[in-house]
Amino acid sequence: NDIEYIYSQYYNKMEYWRFSSSVGKYVGYTEYGVKNAERFNKDASELAGRKAEKETYCKHNIDNW
């Protein structure tokens, strides 16, 4: 439970949206980001894929340490 997977999108040093495994959904930080976060959050396969990446990337590499 200490591990958190974060996927963020930036442009010109500004964060538009972020997926956090601790929140379990996308969060937008700009008007454009909020619209896209809402679209991503409606797509169950998108959310399932991001949630699975915590297992794929984080937990796999922690076991290697």
C-alpha atoms as a PDB file:
ATOM      1  CA  ASN A   1       0.000   0.000   0.000  1.00  0.00           C
ATOM      2  CA  ASP A   2       3.035   2.279   0.189  1.00  0.00           C
ATOM      3  CA  ILE A   3       3.478   2.193  -3.579  1.00  0.00           C
ATOM      4  CA  GLU A   4       1.793   4.763  -5.799  1.00  0.00           C
ATOM      5  CA  TYR A   5       1.749   4.749  -9.591  1.00  0.00           C
ATOM      6  CA  ILE A   6       1.456   8.221 -11.155  1.00  0.00           C
ATOM      7  CA  TYR A   7       1.015   8.984 -14.852  1.00  0.00           C
ATOM      8  CA  SER A   8       1.089  12.691 -15.759  1.00  0.00           C
ATOM      9  CA  GLN A   9       0.888  14.667 -18.975  1.00  0.00           C
ATOM     10  CA  TYR A  10       2.816  17.917 -19.285  1.00  0.00           C
ATOM     11  CA  TYR A  11       3.191  20.480 -22.009  1.00  0.00           C
ATOM     12  CA  ASN A  12       5.441  23.520 -21.768  1.00  0.00           C
ATOM     13  CA  LYS A  13       6.167  22.706 -18.088  1.00  0.00           C
ATOM     14  CA  MET A  14       2.452  22.742 -17.216  1.00  0.00           C
ATOM     15  CA  GLU A  15       0.707  19.642 -15.911  1.00  0.00           C
ATOM     16  CA  TYR A  16      -2.572  19.006 -17.713  1.00  0.00           C
ATOM     17  CA  TRP A  17      -3.802  15.802 -16.100  1.00  0.00           C
ATOM     18  CA  ARG A  18      -2.649  13.017 -13.819  1.00  0.00           C
ATOM     19  CA  PHE A  19      -3.659   9.469 -13.014  1.00  0.00           C
ATOM     20  CA  SER A  20      -2.806   8.415  -9.477  1.00  0.00           C
ATOM     21  CA  SER A  21      -3.272   4.843  -8.317  1.00  0.00           C
ATOM     22  CA  SER A  22      -4.112   6.064  -4.810  1.00  0.00           C
ATOM     23  CA  VAL A  23      -7.023   8.138  -6.182  1.00  0.00           C
ATOM     24  CA  GLY A  24      -7.941   5.553  -8.822  1.00  0.00           C
ATOM     25  CA  LYS A  25      -8.918   8.038 -11.515  1.00  0.00           C
ATOM     26  CA  TYR A  26      -7.667  10.935 -13.627  1.00  0.00           C
ATOM     27  CA  VAL A  27      -7.614  14.471 -12.266  1.00  0.00           C
ATOM     28  CA  GLY A  28      -7.368  17.536 -14.518  1.00  0.00           C
ATOM     29  CA  TYR A  29      -5.444  20.690 -13.616  1.00  0.00           C
ATOM     30  CA  THR A  30      -6.338  22.957 -16.544  1.00  0.00           C
ATOM     31  CA  GLU A  31      -9.548  23.465 -18.502  1.00  0.00           C
ATOM     32  CA  TYR A  32      -8.199  21.184 -21.229  1.00  0.00           C
ATOM     33  CA  GLY A  33      -6.999  18.685 -18.623  1.00  0.00           C
ATOM     34  CA  VAL A  34     -10.334  18.561 -16.812  1.00  0.00           C
ATOM     35  CA  LYS A  35     -12.187  17.795 -20.049  1.00  0.00           C
ATOM     36  CA  ASN A  36      -9.773  15.001 -20.919  1.00  0.00           C
ATOM     37  CA  ALA A  37      -9.797  13.609 -17.380  1.00  0.00           C
ATOM     38  CA  GLU A  38     -13.582  13.369 -17.524  1.00  0.00           C
ATOM     39  CA  ARG A  39     -13.352  11.558 -20.871  1.00  0.00           C
ATOM     40  CA  PHE A  40     -10.704   9.138 -19.573  1.00  0.00           C
ATOM     41  CA  ASN A  41     -12.657   8.442 -16.381  1.00  0.00           C
ATOM     42  CA  LYS A  42     -15.727   7.404 -18.416  1.00  0.00           C
ATOM     43  CA  ASP A  43     -13.657   4.780 -20.254  1.00  0.00           C
ATOM     44  CA  ALA A  44     -13.554   1.671 -18.045  1.00  0.00           C
ATOM     45  CA  SER A  45     -10.829   0.018 -20.131  1.00  0.00           C
ATOM     46  CA  GLU A  46      -8.586   3.089 -19.796  1.00  0.00           C
ATOM     47  CA  LEU A  47      -8.938   3.069 -16.005  1.00  0.00           C
ATOM     48  CA  ALA A  48      -8.414  -0.690 -15.782  1.00  0.00           C
ATOM     49  CA  GLY A  49      -5.256  -0.400 -17.867  1.00  0.00           C
ATOM     50  CA  ARG A  50      -3.792   2.356 -15.696  1.00  0.00           C
ATOM     51  CA  LYS A  51      -4.649   0.476 -12.505  1.00  0.00           C
ATOM     52  CA  ALA A  52      -2.940  -2.633 -13.886  1.00  0.00           C
ATOM     53  CA  GLU A  53       0.247  -0.666 -14.548  1.00  0.00           C
ATOM     54  CA  LYS A  54       0.840  -0.373 -10.810  1.00  0.00           C
ATOM     55  CA  GLU A  55       1.168  -4.151 -10.723  1.00  0.00           C
ATOM     56  CA  THR A  56       3.172  -4.268 -13.953  1.00  0.00           C
ATOM     57  CA  TYR A  57       5.743  -1.556 -13.231  1.00  0.00           C
ATOM     58  CA  CYS A  58       5.820  -0.829  -9.525  1.00  0.00           C
ATOM     59  CA  LYS A  59       5.349  -4.148  -7.791  1.00  0.00           C
ATOM     60  CA  HIS A  60       7.488  -6.008 -10.320  1.00  0.00           C
ATOM     61  CA  ASN A  61      10.431  -3.656  -9.739  1.00  0.00           C
ATOM     62  CA  ILE A  62      10.025  -3.588  -5.961  1.00  0.00           C
ATOM     63  CA  ASP A  63      10.392  -7.371  -5.933  1.00  0.00           C
ATOM     64  CA  ASN A  64      13.677  -6.944  -7.823  1.00  0.00           C
ATOM     65  CA  TRP A  65      15.068  -4.626  -5.140  1.00  0.00           C
END
